[in-house]
Amino acid sequence: MFVKKYNFSNGSPLLCMQEMNSLYRFWSYFLRDMFVPSMYNEFRKLALEDAAANYNYGIECLFRFYSYGLEKKYRDDLYNDFEQLTLDFYHKGNLYGLEKYWAFHHFRDQKEPIKKHPELDRLLREEYRRLEDFRTKEKNTSSTREERH
C-alpha cells in the first residue's frame, strides 16, 4: 500500500492515509478539467497498488473520475481503461466499478451510443439493469460471506 511505502514527515499512517485520500480526491476532480497524462498514470498506478493491498478508496476515486470525467470529455483511451478495470474488479467480486460504468451509460448527456465490451454489455442488459440490482447483489454477497464464517 502506498501509505506503507512512503515515510511521511510525522510517520503517522493515519495522517498519511488522510493525505492520500485528499490526493485521490484532488486527482479525481482536477483531471476532469485539466487532463495531464503523467498525473493520470500516477493516480492509476497508486490506486491499483492500494487496491491490491485491500485499500479501495483510491480505486473508487479513479472509477468516479472515469464516470464523471468521461461524461464531461470523452476519450477512447480512458474509456478503454475504464472498461478493463471495471471487468478486472468485477471478476474479483467488487461491483463499485460496474456501478459507476452503469451510471456513466445511464446518466450521460450525449445519447450517441458508445460500444460496450461484450461482457459488460451483457451484465448491464441481464443482471444490472437498475441501480437497485447492485444493492440486491451486494446484500446477497454479504450474507453469503457471513454464512461461510
C-alpha atoms as a PDB file:
ATOM      1  CA  MET A   1       0.000   0.000   0.000  1.00  0.00           C
ATOM      2  CA  PHE A   2       1.256   3.491  -0.833  1.00  0.00           C
ATOM      3  CA  VAL A   3       0.787   4.537   2.761  1.00  0.00           C
ATOM      4  CA  LYS A   4       3.284   1.928   3.951  1.00  0.00           C
ATOM      5  CA  LYS A   5       5.834   2.557   1.212  1.00  0.00           C
ATOM      6  CA  TYR A   6       6.361   6.239   1.755  1.00  0.00           C
ATOM      7  CA  ASN A   7       7.614   7.687   5.010  1.00  0.00           C
ATOM      8  CA  PHE A   8       5.864  10.995   5.605  1.00  0.00           C
ATOM      9  CA  SER A   9       7.402  13.552   7.938  1.00  0.00           C
ATOM     10  CA  ASN A  10       5.397  12.682  11.052  1.00  0.00           C
ATOM     11  CA  GLY A  11       5.400   8.934  10.411  1.00  0.00           C
ATOM     12  CA  SER A  12       1.681   8.585  11.197  1.00  0.00           C
ATOM     13  CA  PRO A  13      -0.018   6.006   8.941  1.00  0.00           C
ATOM     14  CA  LEU A  14      -3.427   7.569   9.685  1.00  0.00           C
ATOM     15  CA  LEU A  15      -2.263  11.008   8.631  1.00  0.00           C
ATOM     16  CA  CYS A  16      -0.636   9.505   5.556  1.00  0.00           C
ATOM     17  CA  MET A  17      -3.914   7.786   4.629  1.00  0.00           C
ATOM     18  CA  GLN A  18      -5.754  11.086   5.064  1.00  0.00           C
ATOM     19  CA  GLU A  19      -3.203  12.805   2.828  1.00  0.00           C
ATOM     20  CA  MET A  20      -3.559  10.090   0.199  1.00  0.00           C
ATOM     21  CA  ASN A  21      -7.352  10.334   0.375  1.00  0.00           C
ATOM     22  CA  SER A  22      -7.046  14.072  -0.262  1.00  0.00           C
ATOM     23  CA  LEU A  23      -4.685  13.431  -3.156  1.00  0.00           C
ATOM     24  CA  TYR A  24      -7.001  10.811  -4.679  1.00  0.00           C
ATOM     25  CA  ARG A  25      -9.960  13.217  -4.359  1.00  0.00           C
ATOM     26  CA  PHE A  26      -7.900  16.023  -5.891  1.00  0.00           C
ATOM     27  CA  TRP A  27      -6.868  13.880  -8.851  1.00  0.00           C
ATOM     28  CA  SER A  28     -10.424  12.656  -9.452  1.00  0.00           C
ATOM     29  CA  TYR A  29     -11.648  16.274  -9.784  1.00  0.00           C
ATOM     30  CA  PHE A  30      -8.629  18.035 -11.287  1.00  0.00           C
ATOM     31  CA  LEU A  31      -8.108  15.560 -14.130  1.00  0.00           C
ATOM     32  CA  ARG A  32     -11.700  16.030 -15.304  1.00  0.00           C
ATOM     33  CA  ASP A  33     -10.897  19.633 -16.289  1.00  0.00           C
ATOM     34  CA  MET A  34      -7.154  19.529 -16.904  1.00  0.00           C
ATOM     35  CA  PHE A  35      -6.019  16.125 -18.122  1.00  0.00           C
ATOM     36  CA  VAL A  36      -2.306  15.540 -17.542  1.00  0.00           C
ATOM     37  CA  PRO A  37      -1.239  12.072 -18.720  1.00  0.00           C
ATOM     38  CA  SER A  38       1.621  11.675 -16.234  1.00  0.00           C
ATOM     39  CA  MET A  39      -0.663  12.672 -13.347  1.00  0.00           C
ATOM     40  CA  TYR A  40      -3.334  10.230 -14.527  1.00  0.00           C
ATOM     41  CA  ASN A  41      -0.753   7.431 -14.808  1.00  0.00           C
ATOM     42  CA  GLU A  42       0.452   8.072 -11.241  1.00  0.00           C
ATOM     43  CA  PHE A  43      -3.151   8.201  -9.970  1.00  0.00           C
ATOM     44  CA  ARG A  44      -3.972   4.911 -11.666  1.00  0.00           C
ATOM     45  CA  LYS A  45      -0.744   3.198 -10.558  1.00  0.00           C
ATOM     46  CA  LEU A  46      -1.099   4.163  -6.888  1.00  0.00           C
ATOM     47  CA  ALA A  47      -4.824   3.409  -6.786  1.00  0.00           C
ATOM     48  CA  LEU A  48      -4.157  -0.083  -8.170  1.00  0.00           C
ATOM     49  CA  GLU A  49      -1.323  -0.674  -5.697  1.00  0.00           C
ATOM     50  CA  ASP A  50      -3.537   0.364  -2.794  1.00  0.00           C
ATOM     51  CA  ALA A  51      -6.413  -1.779  -4.082  1.00  0.00           C
ATOM     52  CA  ALA A  52      -4.052  -4.770  -4.228  1.00  0.00           C
ATOM     53  CA  ALA A  53      -3.478  -4.162  -0.500  1.00  0.00           C
ATOM     54  CA  ASN A  54      -7.278  -4.048   0.105  1.00  0.00           C
ATOM     55  CA  TYR A  55      -7.403  -0.274   0.461  1.00  0.00           C
ATOM     56  CA  ASN A  56     -10.044   0.752  -2.090  1.00  0.00           C
ATOM     57  CA  TYR A  57     -10.512   4.493  -1.640  1.00  0.00           C
ATOM     58  CA  GLY A  58      -8.098   5.342  -4.466  1.00  0.00           C
ATOM     59  CA  ILE A  59      -9.673   2.947  -6.943  1.00  0.00           C
ATOM     60  CA  GLU A  60     -13.124   4.265  -6.025  1.00  0.00           C
ATOM     61  CA  CYS A  61     -11.910   7.804  -6.784  1.00  0.00           C
ATOM     62  CA  LEU A  62     -10.483   6.520 -10.075  1.00  0.00           C
ATOM     63  CA  PHE A  63     -13.827   4.955 -11.017  1.00  0.00           C
ATOM     64  CA  ARG A  64     -15.590   8.245 -10.159  1.00  0.00           C
ATOM     65  CA  PHE A  65     -13.062  10.067 -12.333  1.00  0.00           C
ATOM     66  CA  TYR A  66     -13.863   7.764 -15.237  1.00  0.00           C
ATOM     67  CA  SER A  67     -17.616   8.010 -14.820  1.00  0.00           C
ATOM     68  CA  TYR A  68     -17.860  11.784 -14.390  1.00  0.00           C
ATOM     69  CA  GLY A  69     -14.770  12.724 -16.372  1.00  0.00           C
ATOM     70  CA  LEU A  70     -15.779  10.788 -19.485  1.00  0.00           C
ATOM     71  CA  GLU A  71     -19.200  12.386 -19.330  1.00  0.00           C
ATOM     72  CA  LYS A  72     -17.519  15.789 -19.336  1.00  0.00           C
ATOM     73  CA  LYS A  73     -14.988  14.964 -22.079  1.00  0.00           C
ATOM     74  CA  TYR A  74     -14.973  11.586 -23.764  1.00  0.00           C
ATOM     75  CA  ARG A  75     -11.623   9.946 -24.575  1.00  0.00           C
ATOM     76  CA  ASP A  76     -11.313   6.469 -26.099  1.00  0.00           C
ATOM     77  CA  ASP A  77      -8.123   5.623 -24.190  1.00  0.00           C
ATOM     78  CA  LEU A  78      -9.707   6.439 -20.812  1.00  0.00           C
ATOM     79  CA  TYR A  79     -12.904   4.633 -21.723  1.00  0.00           C
ATOM     80  CA  ASN A  80     -10.877   1.525 -22.570  1.00  0.00           C
ATOM     81  CA  ASP A  81      -9.069   1.766 -19.216  1.00  0.00           C
ATOM     82  CA  PHE A  82     -12.455   2.191 -17.503  1.00  0.00           C
ATOM     83  CA  GLU A  83     -13.836  -0.929 -19.147  1.00  0.00           C
ATOM     84  CA  GLN A  84     -10.768  -3.034 -18.386  1.00  0.00           C
ATOM     85  CA  LEU A  85     -10.614  -2.038 -14.713  1.00  0.00           C
ATOM     86  CA  THR A  86     -14.367  -2.498 -14.374  1.00  0.00           C
ATOM     87  CA  LEU A  87     -14.027  -6.055 -15.664  1.00  0.00           C
ATOM     88  CA  ASP A  88     -10.954  -6.776 -13.542  1.00  0.00           C
ATOM     89  CA  PHE A  89     -12.639  -5.625 -10.345  1.00  0.00           C
ATOM     90  CA  TYR A  90     -15.948  -7.289 -11.210  1.00  0.00           C
ATOM     91  CA  HIS A  91     -14.103 -10.614 -11.570  1.00  0.00           C
ATOM     92  CA  LYS A  92     -12.611 -10.031  -8.105  1.00  0.00           C
ATOM     93  CA  GLY A  93     -16.121  -9.587  -6.671  1.00  0.00           C
ATOM     94  CA  ASN A  94     -16.018  -5.781  -6.467  1.00  0.00           C
ATOM     95  CA  LEU A  95     -19.092  -4.121  -8.003  1.00  0.00           C
ATOM     96  CA  TYR A  96     -18.105  -0.475  -7.478  1.00  0.00           C
ATOM     97  CA  GLY A  97     -16.581  -0.013 -10.946  1.00  0.00           C
ATOM     98  CA  LEU A  98     -19.504  -1.749 -12.628  1.00  0.00           C
ATOM     99  CA  GLU A  99     -21.928   0.522 -10.798  1.00  0.00           C
ATOM    100  CA  LYS A 100     -20.007   3.612 -11.997  1.00  0.00           C
ATOM    101  CA  TYR A 101     -19.902   2.144 -15.509  1.00  0.00           C
ATOM    102  CA  TRP A 102     -23.686   1.620 -15.368  1.00  0.00           C
ATOM    103  CA  ALA A 103     -24.144   5.217 -14.138  1.00  0.00           C
ATOM    104  CA  PHE A 104     -21.939   6.601 -16.918  1.00  0.00           C
ATOM    105  CA  HIS A 105     -24.029   4.901 -19.591  1.00  0.00           C
ATOM    106  CA  HIS A 106     -27.339   5.590 -17.884  1.00  0.00           C
ATOM    107  CA  PHE A 107     -26.919   9.286 -16.991  1.00  0.00           C
ATOM    108  CA  ARG A 108     -24.620  10.762 -19.612  1.00  0.00           C
ATOM    109  CA  ASP A 109     -25.995  13.672 -21.661  1.00  0.00           C
ATOM    110  CA  GLN A 110     -24.653  12.561 -25.028  1.00  0.00           C
ATOM    111  CA  LYS A 111     -27.024   9.989 -26.392  1.00  0.00           C
ATOM    112  CA  GLU A 112     -24.974   8.642 -29.285  1.00  0.00           C
ATOM    113  CA  PRO A 113     -24.192   5.046 -28.371  1.00  0.00           C
ATOM    114  CA  ILE A 114     -20.760   4.039 -27.171  1.00  0.00           C
ATOM    115  CA  LYS A 115     -19.718   0.499 -27.922  1.00  0.00           C
ATOM    116  CA  LYS A 116     -19.533  -1.587 -24.761  1.00  0.00           C
ATOM    117  CA  HIS A 117     -17.293  -4.537 -24.037  1.00  0.00           C
ATOM    118  CA  PRO A 118     -19.463  -7.639 -24.753  1.00  0.00           C
ATOM    119  CA  GLU A 119     -19.272  -8.969 -21.178  1.00  0.00           C
ATOM    120  CA  LEU A 120     -20.077  -5.580 -19.663  1.00  0.00           C
ATOM    121  CA  ASP A 121     -22.922  -5.109 -22.124  1.00  0.00           C
ATOM    122  CA  ARG A 122     -24.374  -8.493 -21.125  1.00  0.00           C
ATOM    123  CA  LEU A 123     -24.070  -7.688 -17.415  1.00  0.00           C
ATOM    124  CA  LEU A 124     -25.906  -4.379 -17.862  1.00  0.00           C
ATOM    125  CA  ARG A 125     -28.639  -5.937 -20.001  1.00  0.00           C
ATOM    126  CA  GLU A 126     -29.212  -9.102 -17.952  1.00  0.00           C
ATOM    127  CA  GLU A 127     -28.111  -8.661 -14.346  1.00  0.00           C
ATOM    128  CA  TYR A 128     -27.677  -4.972 -13.563  1.00  0.00           C
ATOM    129  CA  ARG A 129     -30.446  -3.092 -15.321  1.00  0.00           C
ATOM    130  CA  ARG A 130     -31.287  -0.798 -12.382  1.00  0.00           C
ATOM    131  CA  LEU A 131     -29.315   0.770  -9.559  1.00  0.00           C
ATOM    132  CA  GLU A 132     -31.267  -1.392  -7.106  1.00  0.00           C
ATOM    133  CA  ASP A 133     -29.817  -4.506  -8.742  1.00  0.00           C
ATOM    134  CA  PHE A 134     -26.399  -3.545  -7.355  1.00  0.00           C
ATOM    135  CA  ARG A 135     -27.783  -3.220  -3.812  1.00  0.00           C
ATOM    136  CA  THR A 136     -29.538  -6.589  -4.042  1.00  0.00           C
ATOM    137  CA  LYS A 137     -26.388  -8.299  -5.290  1.00  0.00           C
ATOM    138  CA  GLU A 138     -24.246  -6.664  -2.554  1.00  0.00           C
ATOM    139  CA  LYS A 139     -26.664  -7.830   0.151  1.00  0.00           C
ATOM    140  CA  ASN A 140     -26.659 -11.377  -1.214  1.00  0.00           C
ATOM    141  CA  THR A 141     -22.857 -11.395  -1.408  1.00  0.00           C
ATOM    142  CA  SER A 142     -22.529 -10.059   2.161  1.00  0.00           C
ATOM    143  CA  SER A 143     -24.910 -12.636   3.618  1.00  0.00           C
ATOM    144  CA  THR A 144     -23.141 -15.458   1.752  1.00  0.00           C
ATOM    145  CA  ARG A 145     -19.788 -14.306   3.175  1.00  0.00           C
ATOM    146  CA  GLU A 146     -21.239 -14.175   6.694  1.00  0.00           C
ATOM    147  CA  GLU A 147     -22.633 -17.713   6.373  1.00  0.00           C
ATOM    148  CA  ARG A 148     -19.168 -19.027   5.460  1.00  0.00           C
ATOM    149  CA  HIS A 149     -17.541 -17.565   8.595  1.00  0.00           C
END
